[in-house]
Amino acid sequence: MLSFRAWIIGGLVVFYTASVGASYFKGQSDGKAIERADSLAAVIGEELRQDNANASALVAANAYVRRLLADNRKLAGEIGDLREQAAVDPNASRPALGVESVRRLNRIK
């Protein structure tokens, strides 16, 4: 199914073709119809350029979000591992840090 924008662009192309053809066959090629058609073609070209730029930006943004989500899952797993290790550390209640506690803290960096 064609999108609404595709129908609009198709209609504008038909209008452009009809305008140029009418001015040619009626002998009214004073330039105004062709200028209008050329400006319309420029507008269509600019809209297509913007659509392409927007689509590219969306693809890049989606890739960035996927990378962030993957990093988030990885960090959540590491945090879970560190919490489990801290929970089973026999020296967890001591006022000073043991070797294993220091290693866990160093992994956080």
PDB file of N, CA and C in Angstrom:
ATOM      1  N   MET A   1       0.852  -1.171   0.000  1.00  0.00           N
ATOM      2  CA  MET A   1       0.000   0.000   0.000  1.00  0.00           C
ATOM      3  C   MET A   1       0.901   1.238   0.000  1.00  0.00           C
ATOM      4  N   LEU A   2       0.581   2.170  -0.844  1.00  0.00           N
ATOM      5  CA  LEU A   2       1.378   3.388  -0.916  1.00  0.00           C
ATOM      6  C   LEU A   2       1.023   4.317   0.231  1.00  0.00           C
ATOM      7  N   SER A   3       2.013   5.039   0.712  1.00  0.00           N
ATOM      8  CA  SER A   3       1.777   5.976   1.792  1.00  0.00           C
ATOM      9  C   SER A   3       1.107   7.241   1.254  1.00  0.00           C
ATOM     10  N   PHE A   4       0.601   8.017   2.166  1.00  0.00           N
ATOM     11  CA  PHE A   4      -0.071   9.259   1.802  1.00  0.00           C
ATOM     12  C   PHE A   4       0.903  10.195   1.087  1.00  0.00           C
ATOM     13  N   ARG A   5       2.139  10.261   1.589  1.00  0.00           N
ATOM     14  CA  ARG A   5       3.143  11.136   0.982  1.00  0.00           C
ATOM     15  C   ARG A   5       3.437  10.698  -0.454  1.00  0.00           C
ATOM     16  N   ALA A   6       3.465   9.395  -0.703  1.00  0.00           N
ATOM     17  CA  ALA A   6       3.717   8.902  -2.050  1.00  0.00           C
ATOM     18  C   ALA A   6       2.588   9.321  -2.990  1.00  0.00           C
ATOM     19  N   TRP A   7       1.358   9.282  -2.523  1.00  0.00           N
ATOM     20  CA  TRP A   7       0.229   9.718  -3.353  1.00  0.00           C
ATOM     21  C   TRP A   7       0.330  11.215  -3.663  1.00  0.00           C
ATOM     22  N   ILE A   8       0.717  12.000  -2.659  1.00  0.00           N
ATOM     23  CA  ILE A   8       0.848  13.448  -2.865  1.00  0.00           C
ATOM     24  C   ILE A   8       1.947  13.723  -3.886  1.00  0.00           C
ATOM     25  N   ILE A   9       3.081  13.056  -3.731  1.00  0.00           N
ATOM     26  CA  ILE A   9       4.193  13.272  -4.661  1.00  0.00           C
ATOM     27  C   ILE A   9       3.793  12.833  -6.062  1.00  0.00           C
ATOM     28  N   GLY A  10       3.103  11.708  -6.170  1.00  0.00           N
ATOM     29  CA  GLY A  10       2.627  11.259  -7.478  1.00  0.00           C
ATOM     30  C   GLY A  10       1.682  12.267  -8.102  1.00  0.00           C
ATOM     31  N   GLY A  11       0.796  12.820  -7.305  1.00  0.00           N
ATOM     32  CA  GLY A  11      -0.128  13.835  -7.813  1.00  0.00           C
ATOM     33  C   GLY A  11       0.601  15.084  -8.280  1.00  0.00           C
ATOM     34  N   LEU A  12       1.631  15.474  -7.537  1.00  0.00           N
ATOM     35  CA  LEU A  12       2.392  16.654  -7.932  1.00  0.00           C
ATOM     36  C   LEU A  12       3.166  16.400  -9.230  1.00  0.00           C
ATOM     37  N   VAL A  13       3.656  15.199  -9.413  1.00  0.00           N
ATOM     38  CA  VAL A  13       4.344  14.862 -10.660  1.00  0.00           C
ATOM     39  C   VAL A  13       3.369  14.925 -11.830  1.00  0.00           C
ATOM     40  N   VAL A  14       2.156  14.407 -11.630  1.00  0.00           N
ATOM     41  CA  VAL A  14       1.136  14.474 -12.690  1.00  0.00           C
ATOM     42  C   VAL A  14       0.801  15.932 -12.993  1.00  0.00           C
ATOM     43  N   PHE A  15       0.672  16.760 -11.963  1.00  0.00           N
ATOM     44  CA  PHE A  15       0.392  18.180 -12.157  1.00  0.00           C
ATOM     45  C   PHE A  15       1.521  18.853 -12.931  1.00  0.00           C
ATOM     46  N   TYR A  16       2.741  18.536 -12.591  1.00  0.00           N
ATOM     47  CA  TYR A  16       3.905  19.091 -13.284  1.00  0.00           C
ATOM     48  C   TYR A  16       3.873  18.721 -14.764  1.00  0.00           C
ATOM     49  N   THR A  17       3.638  17.448 -15.043  1.00  0.00           N
ATOM     50  CA  THR A  17       3.592  16.980 -16.422  1.00  0.00           C
ATOM     51  C   THR A  17       2.448  17.648 -17.190  1.00  0.00           C
ATOM     52  N   ALA A  18       1.297  17.752 -16.568  1.00  0.00           N
ATOM     53  CA  ALA A  18       0.147  18.383 -17.226  1.00  0.00           C
ATOM     54  C   ALA A  18       0.407  19.861 -17.479  1.00  0.00           C
ATOM     55  N   SER A  19       1.037  20.544 -16.548  1.00  0.00           N
ATOM     56  CA  SER A  19       1.319  21.974 -16.723  1.00  0.00           C
ATOM     57  C   SER A  19       2.268  22.211 -17.884  1.00  0.00           C
ATOM     58  N   VAL A  20       3.326  21.425 -17.947  1.00  0.00           N
ATOM     59  CA  VAL A  20       4.291  21.595 -19.036  1.00  0.00           C
ATOM     60  C   VAL A  20       3.643  21.236 -20.367  1.00  0.00           C
ATOM     61  N   GLY A  21       2.872  20.137 -20.398  1.00  0.00           N
ATOM     62  CA  GLY A  21       2.215  19.720 -21.638  1.00  0.00           C
ATOM     63  C   GLY A  21       1.196  20.744 -22.105  1.00  0.00           C
ATOM     64  N   ALA A  22       0.415  21.279 -21.177  1.00  0.00           N
ATOM     65  CA  ALA A  22      -0.605  22.266 -21.553  1.00  0.00           C
ATOM     66  C   ALA A  22       0.036  23.527 -22.105  1.00  0.00           C
ATOM     67  N   SER A  23       1.080  23.979 -21.483  1.00  0.00           N
ATOM     68  CA  SER A  23       1.719  25.207 -21.971  1.00  0.00           C
ATOM     69  C   SER A  23       2.382  24.979 -23.328  1.00  0.00           C
ATOM     70  N   TYR A  24       2.853  23.782 -23.551  1.00  0.00           N
ATOM     71  CA  TYR A  24       3.497  23.483 -24.838  1.00  0.00           C
ATOM     72  C   TYR A  24       2.467  23.380 -25.963  1.00  0.00           C
ATOM     73  N   PHE A  25       1.409  22.611 -25.718  1.00  0.00           N
ATOM     74  CA  PHE A  25       0.429  22.372 -26.784  1.00  0.00           C
ATOM     75  C   PHE A  25      -0.464  23.573 -27.043  1.00  0.00           C
ATOM     76  N   LYS A  26      -0.718  24.417 -26.084  1.00  0.00           N
ATOM     77  CA  LYS A  26      -1.570  25.586 -26.294  1.00  0.00           C
ATOM     78  C   LYS A  26      -0.766  26.783 -26.786  1.00  0.00           C
ATOM     79  N   GLY A  27       0.516  26.630 -26.843  1.00  0.00           N
ATOM     80  CA  GLY A  27       1.337  27.743 -27.313  1.00  0.00           C
ATOM     81  C   GLY A  27       1.487  28.835 -26.283  1.00  0.00           C
ATOM     82  N   GLN A  28       1.207  28.541 -25.033  1.00  0.00           N
ATOM     83  CA  GLN A  28       1.287  29.554 -23.978  1.00  0.00           C
ATOM     84  C   GLN A  28       2.576  29.407 -23.177  1.00  0.00           C
ATOM     85  N   SER A  29       3.610  29.093 -23.832  1.00  0.00           N
ATOM     86  CA  SER A  29       4.859  28.880 -23.110  1.00  0.00           C
ATOM     87  C   SER A  29       5.554  30.209 -22.853  1.00  0.00           C
ATOM     88  N   ASP A  30       4.873  31.052 -22.115  1.00  0.00           N
ATOM     89  CA  ASP A  30       5.447  32.347 -21.771  1.00  0.00           C
ATOM     90  C   ASP A  30       6.451  32.217 -20.619  1.00  0.00           C
ATOM     91  N   GLY A  31       6.613  31.021 -20.167  1.00  0.00           N
ATOM     92  CA  GLY A  31       7.602  30.788 -19.124  1.00  0.00           C
ATOM     93  C   GLY A  31       7.017  30.666 -17.732  1.00  0.00           C
ATOM     94  N   LYS A  32       5.826  31.235 -17.503  1.00  0.00           N
ATOM     95  CA  LYS A  32       5.260  31.210 -16.152  1.00  0.00           C
ATOM     96  C   LYS A  32       4.861  29.793 -15.738  1.00  0.00           C
ATOM     97  N   ALA A  33       4.235  29.069 -16.640  1.00  0.00           N
ATOM     98  CA  ALA A  33       3.823  27.705 -16.311  1.00  0.00           C
ATOM     99  C   ALA A  33       5.043  26.824 -16.084  1.00  0.00           C
ATOM    100  N   ILE A  34       6.054  27.027 -16.911  1.00  0.00           N
ATOM    101  CA  ILE A  34       7.273  26.233 -16.758  1.00  0.00           C
ATOM    102  C   ILE A  34       7.989  26.613 -15.471  1.00  0.00           C
ATOM    103  N   GLU A  35       8.017  27.904 -15.142  1.00  0.00           N
ATOM    104  CA  GLU A  35       8.637  28.335 -13.887  1.00  0.00           C
ATOM    105  C   GLU A  35       7.904  27.738 -12.687  1.00  0.00           C
ATOM    106  N   ARG A  36       6.563  27.733 -12.739  1.00  0.00           N
ATOM    107  CA  ARG A  36       5.787  27.144 -11.636  1.00  0.00           C
ATOM    108  C   ARG A  36       6.089  25.652 -11.523  1.00  0.00           C
ATOM    109  N   ALA A  37       6.133  25.000 -12.670  1.00  0.00           N
ATOM    110  CA  ALA A  37       6.416  23.562 -12.664  1.00  0.00           C
ATOM    111  C   ALA A  37       7.835  23.292 -12.163  1.00  0.00           C
ATOM    112  N   ASP A  38       8.785  24.130 -12.553  1.00  0.00           N
ATOM    113  CA  ASP A  38      10.158  23.952 -12.082  1.00  0.00           C
ATOM    114  C   ASP A  38      10.265  24.188 -10.585  1.00  0.00           C
ATOM    115  N   SER A  39       9.568  25.201 -10.091  1.00  0.00           N
ATOM    116  CA  SER A  39       9.610  25.448  -8.642  1.00  0.00           C
ATOM    117  C   SER A  39       8.925  24.314  -7.883  1.00  0.00           C
ATOM    118  N   LEU A  40       7.872  23.763  -8.469  1.00  0.00           N
ATOM    119  CA  LEU A  40       7.203  22.624  -7.847  1.00  0.00           C
ATOM    120  C   LEU A  40       8.128  21.412  -7.830  1.00  0.00           C
ATOM    121  N   ALA A  41       8.865  21.208  -8.901  1.00  0.00           N
ATOM    122  CA  ALA A  41       9.822  20.102  -8.952  1.00  0.00           C
ATOM    123  C   ALA A  41      10.922  20.299  -7.907  1.00  0.00           C
ATOM    124  N   ALA A  42      11.336  21.539  -7.697  1.00  0.00           N
ATOM    125  CA  ALA A  42      12.350  21.822  -6.678  1.00  0.00           C
ATOM    126  C   ALA A  42      11.823  21.520  -5.281  1.00  0.00           C
ATOM    127  N   VAL A  43      10.562  21.876  -5.039  1.00  0.00           N
ATOM    128  CA  VAL A  43       9.944  21.592  -3.737  1.00  0.00           C
ATOM    129  C   VAL A  43       9.864  20.080  -3.510  1.00  0.00           C
ATOM    130  N   ILE A  44       9.453  19.356  -4.530  1.00  0.00           N
ATOM    131  CA  ILE A  44       9.361  17.893  -4.417  1.00  0.00           C
ATOM    132  C   ILE A  44      10.737  17.303  -4.146  1.00  0.00           C
ATOM    133  N   GLY A  45      11.745  17.790  -4.872  1.00  0.00           N
ATOM    134  CA  GLY A  45      13.111  17.308  -4.655  1.00  0.00           C
ATOM    135  C   GLY A  45      13.596  17.573  -3.245  1.00  0.00           C
ATOM    136  N   GLU A  46      13.284  18.735  -2.700  1.00  0.00           N
ATOM    137  CA  GLU A  46      13.689  19.071  -1.334  1.00  0.00           C
ATOM    138  C   GLU A  46      12.971  18.185  -0.318  1.00  0.00           C
ATOM    139  N   GLU A  47      11.691  17.927  -0.537  1.00  0.00           N
ATOM    140  CA  GLU A  47      10.958  17.044   0.374  1.00  0.00           C
ATOM    141  C   GLU A  47      11.531  15.627   0.350  1.00  0.00           C
ATOM    142  N   LEU A  48      11.877  15.148  -0.825  1.00  0.00           N
ATOM    143  CA  LEU A  48      12.484  13.816  -0.921  1.00  0.00           C
ATOM    144  C   LEU A  48      13.844  13.787  -0.225  1.00  0.00           C
ATOM    145  N   ARG A  49      14.630  14.839  -0.374  1.00  0.00           N
ATOM    146  CA  ARG A  49      15.931  14.914   0.292  1.00  0.00           C
ATOM    147  C   ARG A  49      15.754  14.895   1.806  1.00  0.00           C
ATOM    148  N   GLN A  50      14.778  15.651   2.309  1.00  0.00           N
ATOM    149  CA  GLN A  50      14.519  15.684   3.750  1.00  0.00           C
ATOM    150  C   GLN A  50      14.027  14.330   4.247  1.00  0.00           C
ATOM    151  N   ASP A  51      13.167  13.670   3.476  1.00  0.00           N
ATOM    152  CA  ASP A  51      12.692  12.337   3.864  1.00  0.00           C
ATOM    153  C   ASP A  51      13.855  11.355   3.958  1.00  0.00           C
ATOM    154  N   ASN A  52      14.763  11.411   2.998  1.00  0.00           N
ATOM    155  CA  ASN A  52      15.927  10.523   3.027  1.00  0.00           C
ATOM    156  C   ASN A  52      16.821  10.827   4.222  1.00  0.00           C
ATOM    157  N   ALA A  53      17.022  12.108   4.506  1.00  0.00           N
ATOM    158  CA  ALA A  53      17.850  12.490   5.656  1.00  0.00           C
ATOM    159  C   ALA A  53      17.201  12.029   6.958  1.00  0.00           C
ATOM    160  N   ASN A  54      15.890  12.177   7.063  1.00  0.00           N
ATOM    161  CA  ASN A  54      15.187  11.737   8.270  1.00  0.00           C
ATOM    162  C   ASN A  54      15.272  10.225   8.442  1.00  0.00           C
ATOM    163  N   ALA A  55      15.132   9.502   7.342  1.00  0.00           N
ATOM    164  CA  ALA A  55      15.218   8.045   7.420  1.00  0.00           C
ATOM    165  C   ALA A  55      16.617   7.613   7.861  1.00  0.00           C
ATOM    166  N   SER A  56      17.641   8.264   7.340  1.00  0.00           N
ATOM    167  CA  SER A  56      19.013   7.938   7.737  1.00  0.00           C
ATOM    168  C   SER A  56      19.240   8.243   9.218  1.00  0.00           C
ATOM    169  N   ALA A  57      18.704   9.359   9.673  1.00  0.00           N
ATOM    170  CA  ALA A  57      18.860   9.720  11.081  1.00  0.00           C
ATOM    171  C   ALA A  57      18.145   8.718  11.986  1.00  0.00           C
ATOM    172  N   LEU A  58      16.992   8.242  11.563  1.00  0.00           N
ATOM    173  CA  LEU A  58      16.272   7.251  12.364  1.00  0.00           C
ATOM    174  C   LEU A  58      17.034   5.932  12.438  1.00  0.00           C
ATOM    175  N   VAL A  59      17.637   5.527  11.332  1.00  0.00           N
ATOM    176  CA  VAL A  59      18.423   4.294  11.333  1.00  0.00           C
ATOM    177  C   VAL A  59      19.600   4.426  12.293  1.00  0.00           C
ATOM    178  N   ALA A  60      20.296   5.559  12.240  1.00  0.00           N
ATOM    179  CA  ALA A  60      21.437   5.786  13.128  1.00  0.00           C
ATOM    180  C   ALA A  60      20.993   5.832  14.590  1.00  0.00           C
ATOM    181  N   ALA A  61      19.876   6.487  14.870  1.00  0.00           N
ATOM    182  CA  ALA A  61      19.381   6.574  16.243  1.00  0.00           C
ATOM    183  C   ALA A  61      18.973   5.202  16.771  1.00  0.00           C
ATOM    184  N   ASN A  62      18.333   4.392  15.931  1.00  0.00           N
ATOM    185  CA  ASN A  62      17.944   3.043  16.359  1.00  0.00           C
ATOM    186  C   ASN A  62      19.167   2.186  16.657  1.00  0.00           C
ATOM    187  N   ALA A  63      20.214   2.307  15.849  1.00  0.00           N
ATOM    188  CA  ALA A  63      21.447   1.546  16.096  1.00  0.00           C
ATOM    189  C   ALA A  63      22.080   1.985  17.412  1.00  0.00           C
ATOM    190  N   TYR A  64      22.071   3.287  17.679  1.00  0.00           N
ATOM    191  CA  TYR A  64      22.634   3.804  18.926  1.00  0.00           C
ATOM    192  C   TYR A  64      21.844   3.296  20.138  1.00  0.00           C
ATOM    193  N   VAL A  65      20.533   3.286  20.035  1.00  0.00           N
ATOM    194  CA  VAL A  65      19.696   2.790  21.131  1.00  0.00           C
ATOM    195  C   VAL A  65      19.949   1.305  21.370  1.00  0.00           C
ATOM    196  N   ARG A  66      20.103   0.531  20.288  1.00  0.00           N
ATOM    197  CA  ARG A  66      20.402  -0.896  20.456  1.00  0.00           C
ATOM    198  C   ARG A  66      21.736  -1.102  21.174  1.00  0.00           C
ATOM    199  N   ARG A  67      22.753  -0.282  20.825  1.00  0.00           N
ATOM    200  CA  ARG A  67      24.041  -0.386  21.512  1.00  0.00           C
ATOM    201  C   ARG A  67      23.903  -0.036  22.982  1.00  0.00           C
ATOM    202  N   LEU A  68      23.144   1.017  23.283  1.00  0.00           N
ATOM    203  CA  LEU A  68      22.941   1.408  24.681  1.00  0.00           C
ATOM    204  C   LEU A  68      22.227   0.315  25.469  1.00  0.00           C
ATOM    205  N   LEU A  69      21.229  -0.300  24.878  1.00  0.00           N
ATOM    206  CA  LEU A  69      20.511  -1.377  25.562  1.00  0.00           C
ATOM    207  C   LEU A  69      21.414  -2.580  25.814  1.00  0.00           C
ATOM    208  N   ALA A  70      22.269  -2.904  24.847  1.00  0.00           N
ATOM    209  CA  ALA A  70      23.204  -4.016  25.030  1.00  0.00           C
ATOM    210  C   ALA A  70      24.196  -3.702  26.148  1.00  0.00           C
ATOM    211  N   ASP A  71      24.708  -2.476  26.168  1.00  0.00           N
ATOM    212  CA  ASP A  71      25.617  -2.075  27.248  1.00  0.00           C
ATOM    213  C   ASP A  71      24.922  -2.116  28.596  1.00  0.00           C
ATOM    214  N   ASN A  72      23.665  -1.698  28.623  1.00  0.00           N
ATOM    215  CA  ASN A  72      22.899  -1.695  29.868  1.00  0.00           C
ATOM    216  C   ASN A  72      22.711  -3.115  30.388  1.00  0.00           C
ATOM    217  N   ARG A  73      22.386  -4.055  29.494  1.00  0.00           N
ATOM    218  CA  ARG A  73      22.238  -5.456  29.908  1.00  0.00           C
ATOM    219  C   ARG A  73      23.551  -6.010  30.450  1.00  0.00           C
ATOM    220  N   LYS A  74      24.658  -5.678  29.794  1.00  0.00           N
ATOM    221  CA  LYS A  74      25.964  -6.150  30.236  1.00  0.00           C
ATOM    222  C   LYS A  74      26.286  -5.608  31.624  1.00  0.00           C
ATOM    223  N   LEU A  75      26.075  -4.311  31.830  1.00  0.00           N
ATOM    224  CA  LEU A  75      26.365  -3.712  33.136  1.00  0.00           C
ATOM    225  C   LEU A  75      25.443  -4.254  34.222  1.00  0.00           C
ATOM    226  N   ALA A  76      24.193  -4.495  33.886  1.00  0.00           N
ATOM    227  CA  ALA A  76      23.269  -5.054  34.871  1.00  0.00           C
ATOM    228  C   ALA A  76      23.730  -6.442  35.304  1.00  0.00           C
ATOM    229  N   GLY A  77      24.249  -7.217  34.366  1.00  0.00           N
ATOM    230  CA  GLY A  77      24.777  -8.533  34.710  1.00  0.00           C
ATOM    231  C   GLY A  77      25.992  -8.436  35.619  1.00  0.00           C
ATOM    232  N   GLU A  78      26.890  -7.505  35.323  1.00  0.00           N
ATOM    233  CA  GLU A  78      28.076  -7.317  36.159  1.00  0.00           C
ATOM    234  C   GLU A  78      27.691  -6.852  37.567  1.00  0.00           C
ATOM    235  N   ILE A  79      26.720  -5.966  37.659  1.00  0.00           N
ATOM    236  CA  ILE A  79      26.266  -5.485  38.967  1.00  0.00           C
ATOM    237  C   ILE A  79      25.683  -6.646  39.767  1.00  0.00           C
ATOM    238  N   GLY A  80      24.902  -7.495  39.101  1.00  0.00           N
ATOM    239  CA  GLY A  80      24.341  -8.663  39.778  1.00  0.00           C
ATOM    240  C   GLY A  80      25.429  -9.594  40.291  1.00  0.00           C
ATOM    241  N   ASP A  81      26.473  -9.818  39.487  1.00  0.00           N
ATOM    242  CA  ASP A  81      27.589 -10.660  39.922  1.00  0.00           C
ATOM    243  C   ASP A  81      28.294 -10.073  41.137  1.00  0.00           C
ATOM    244  N   LEU A  82      28.530  -8.763  41.103  1.00  0.00           N
ATOM    245  CA  LEU A  82      29.203  -8.114  42.230  1.00  0.00           C
ATOM    246  C   LEU A  82      28.363  -8.192  43.504  1.00  0.00           C
ATOM    247  N   ARG A  83      27.077  -8.041  43.383  1.00  0.00           N
ATOM    248  CA  ARG A  83      26.203  -8.137  44.567  1.00  0.00           C
ATOM    249  C   ARG A  83      26.209  -9.550  45.137  1.00  0.00           C
ATOM    250  N   GLU A  84      26.196 -10.539  44.254  1.00  0.00           N
ATOM    251  CA  GLU A  84      26.244 -11.928  44.732  1.00  0.00           C
ATOM    252  C   GLU A  84      27.564 -12.205  45.452  1.00  0.00           C
ATOM    253  N   GLN A  85      28.663 -11.725  44.877  1.00  0.00           N
ATOM    254  CA  GLN A  85      29.961 -11.932  45.509  1.00  0.00           C
ATOM    255  C   GLN A  85      30.037 -11.220  46.862  1.00  0.00           C
ATOM    256  N   ALA A  86      29.480 -10.033  46.948  1.00  0.00           N
ATOM    257  CA  ALA A  86      29.490  -9.297  48.214  1.00  0.00           C
ATOM    258  C   ALA A  86      28.630 -10.000  49.260  1.00  0.00           C
ATOM    259  N   ALA A  87      27.541 -10.609  48.828  1.00  0.00           N
ATOM    260  CA  ALA A  87      26.644 -11.278  49.770  1.00  0.00           C
ATOM    261  C   ALA A  87      27.294 -12.518  50.385  1.00  0.00           C
ATOM    262  N   VAL A  88      28.157 -13.177  49.648  1.00  0.00           N
ATOM    263  CA  VAL A  88      28.783 -14.401  50.175  1.00  0.00           C
ATOM    264  C   VAL A  88      30.165 -14.142  50.760  1.00  0.00           C
ATOM    265  N   ASP A  89      30.618 -12.914  50.773  1.00  0.00           N
ATOM    266  CA  ASP A  89      31.938 -12.586  51.323  1.00  0.00           C
ATOM    267  C   ASP A  89      31.906 -12.765  52.844  1.00  0.00           C
ATOM    268  N   PRO A  90      32.779 -13.640  53.399  1.00  0.00           N
ATOM    269  CA  PRO A  90      32.772 -13.862  54.847  1.00  0.00           C
ATOM    270  C   PRO A  90      33.282 -12.653  55.626  1.00  0.00           C
ATOM    271  N   ASN A  91      33.997 -11.762  54.990  1.00  0.00           N
ATOM    272  CA  ASN A  91      34.540 -10.587  55.679  1.00  0.00           C
ATOM    273  C   ASN A  91      33.687  -9.340  55.463  1.00  0.00           C
ATOM    274  N   ALA A  92      32.473  -9.504  55.024  1.00  0.00           N
ATOM    275  CA  ALA A  92      31.611  -8.355  54.707  1.00  0.00           C
ATOM    276  C   ALA A  92      31.292  -7.513  55.940  1.00  0.00           C
ATOM    277  N   SER A  93      31.241  -8.100  57.104  1.00  0.00           N
ATOM    278  CA  SER A  93      30.864  -7.348  58.307  1.00  0.00           C
ATOM    279  C   SER A  93      32.059  -6.686  58.989  1.00  0.00           C
ATOM    280  N   ARG A  94      33.256  -6.916  58.517  1.00  0.00           N
ATOM    281  CA  ARG A  94      34.444  -6.317  59.123  1.00  0.00           C
ATOM    282  C   ARG A  94      34.506  -4.828  58.795  1.00  0.00           C
ATOM    283  N   PRO A  95      35.094  -4.015  59.687  1.00  0.00           N
ATOM    284  CA  PRO A  95      35.183  -2.575  59.436  1.00  0.00           C
ATOM    285  C   PRO A  95      36.209  -2.208  58.357  1.00  0.00           C
ATOM    286  N   ALA A  96      37.131  -3.104  58.058  1.00  0.00           N
ATOM    287  CA  ALA A  96      38.147  -2.825  57.041  1.00  0.00           C
ATOM    288  C   ALA A  96      37.856  -3.661  55.797  1.00  0.00           C
ATOM    289  N   LEU A  97      38.394  -3.230  54.690  1.00  0.00           N
ATOM    290  CA  LEU A  97      38.179  -3.954  53.435  1.00  0.00           C
ATOM    291  C   LEU A  97      39.185  -5.085  53.290  1.00  0.00           C
ATOM    292  N   GLY A  98      38.694  -6.230  52.870  1.00  0.00           N
ATOM    293  CA  GLY A  98      39.566  -7.350  52.586  1.00  0.00           C
ATOM    294  C   GLY A  98      40.007  -7.321  51.131  1.00  0.00           C
ATOM    295  N   VAL A  99      40.837  -8.277  50.776  1.00  0.00           N
ATOM    296  CA  VAL A  99      41.371  -8.341  49.413  1.00  0.00           C
ATOM    297  C   VAL A  99      40.245  -8.519  48.400  1.00  0.00           C
ATOM    298  N   GLU A 100      39.312  -9.404  48.663  1.00  0.00           N
ATOM    299  CA  GLU A 100      38.211  -9.637  47.730  1.00  0.00           C
ATOM    300  C   GLU A 100      37.328  -8.397  47.585  1.00  0.00           C
ATOM    301  N   SER A 101      37.129  -7.676  48.665  1.00  0.00           N
ATOM    302  CA  SER A 101      36.328  -6.445  48.598  1.00  0.00           C
ATOM    303  C   SER A 101      37.010  -5.410  47.713  1.00  0.00           C
ATOM    304  N   VAL A 102      38.326  -5.291  47.859  1.00  0.00           N
ATOM    305  CA  VAL A 102      39.074  -4.334  47.033  1.00  0.00           C
ATOM    306  C   VAL A 102      38.999  -4.750  45.559  1.00  0.00           C
ATOM    307  N   ARG A 103      39.078  -6.041  45.276  1.00  0.00           N
ATOM    308  CA  ARG A 103      38.983  -6.504  43.888  1.00  0.00           C
ATOM    309  C   ARG A 103      37.612  -6.184  43.295  1.00  0.00           C
ATOM    310  N   ARG A 104      36.568  -6.356  44.098  1.00  0.00           N
ATOM    311  CA  ARG A 104      35.224  -6.019  43.603  1.00  0.00           C
ATOM    312  C   ARG A 104      35.113  -4.518  43.340  1.00  0.00           C
ATOM    313  N   LEU A 105      35.652  -3.709  44.211  1.00  0.00           N
ATOM    314  CA  LEU A 105      35.611  -2.263  44.004  1.00  0.00           C
ATOM    315  C   LEU A 105      36.404  -1.861  42.756  1.00  0.00           C
ATOM    316  N   ASN A 106      37.521  -2.514  42.535  1.00  0.00           N
ATOM    317  CA  ASN A 106      38.325  -2.203  41.346  1.00  0.00           C
ATOM    318  C   ASN A 106      37.598  -2.588  40.062  1.00  0.00           C
ATOM    319  N   ARG A 107      36.769  -3.621  40.104  1.00  0.00           N
ATOM    320  CA  ARG A 107      36.005  -4.004  38.912  1.00  0.00           C
ATOM    321  C   ARG A 107      34.961  -2.948  38.530  1.00  0.00           C
ATOM    322  N   ILE A 108      34.531  -2.178  39.514  1.00  0.00           N
ATOM    323  CA  ILE A 108      33.512  -1.149  39.255  1.00  0.00           C
ATOM    324  C   ILE A 108      34.076  -0.042  38.371  1.00  0.00           C
ATOM    325  N   LYS A 109      35.332   0.270  38.526  1.00  0.00           N
ATOM    326  CA  LYS A 109      35.946   1.330  37.721  1.00  0.00           C
ATOM    327  C   LYS A 109      35.823   0.975  36.303  1.00  0.00           C
TER     328      LYS A 109
END
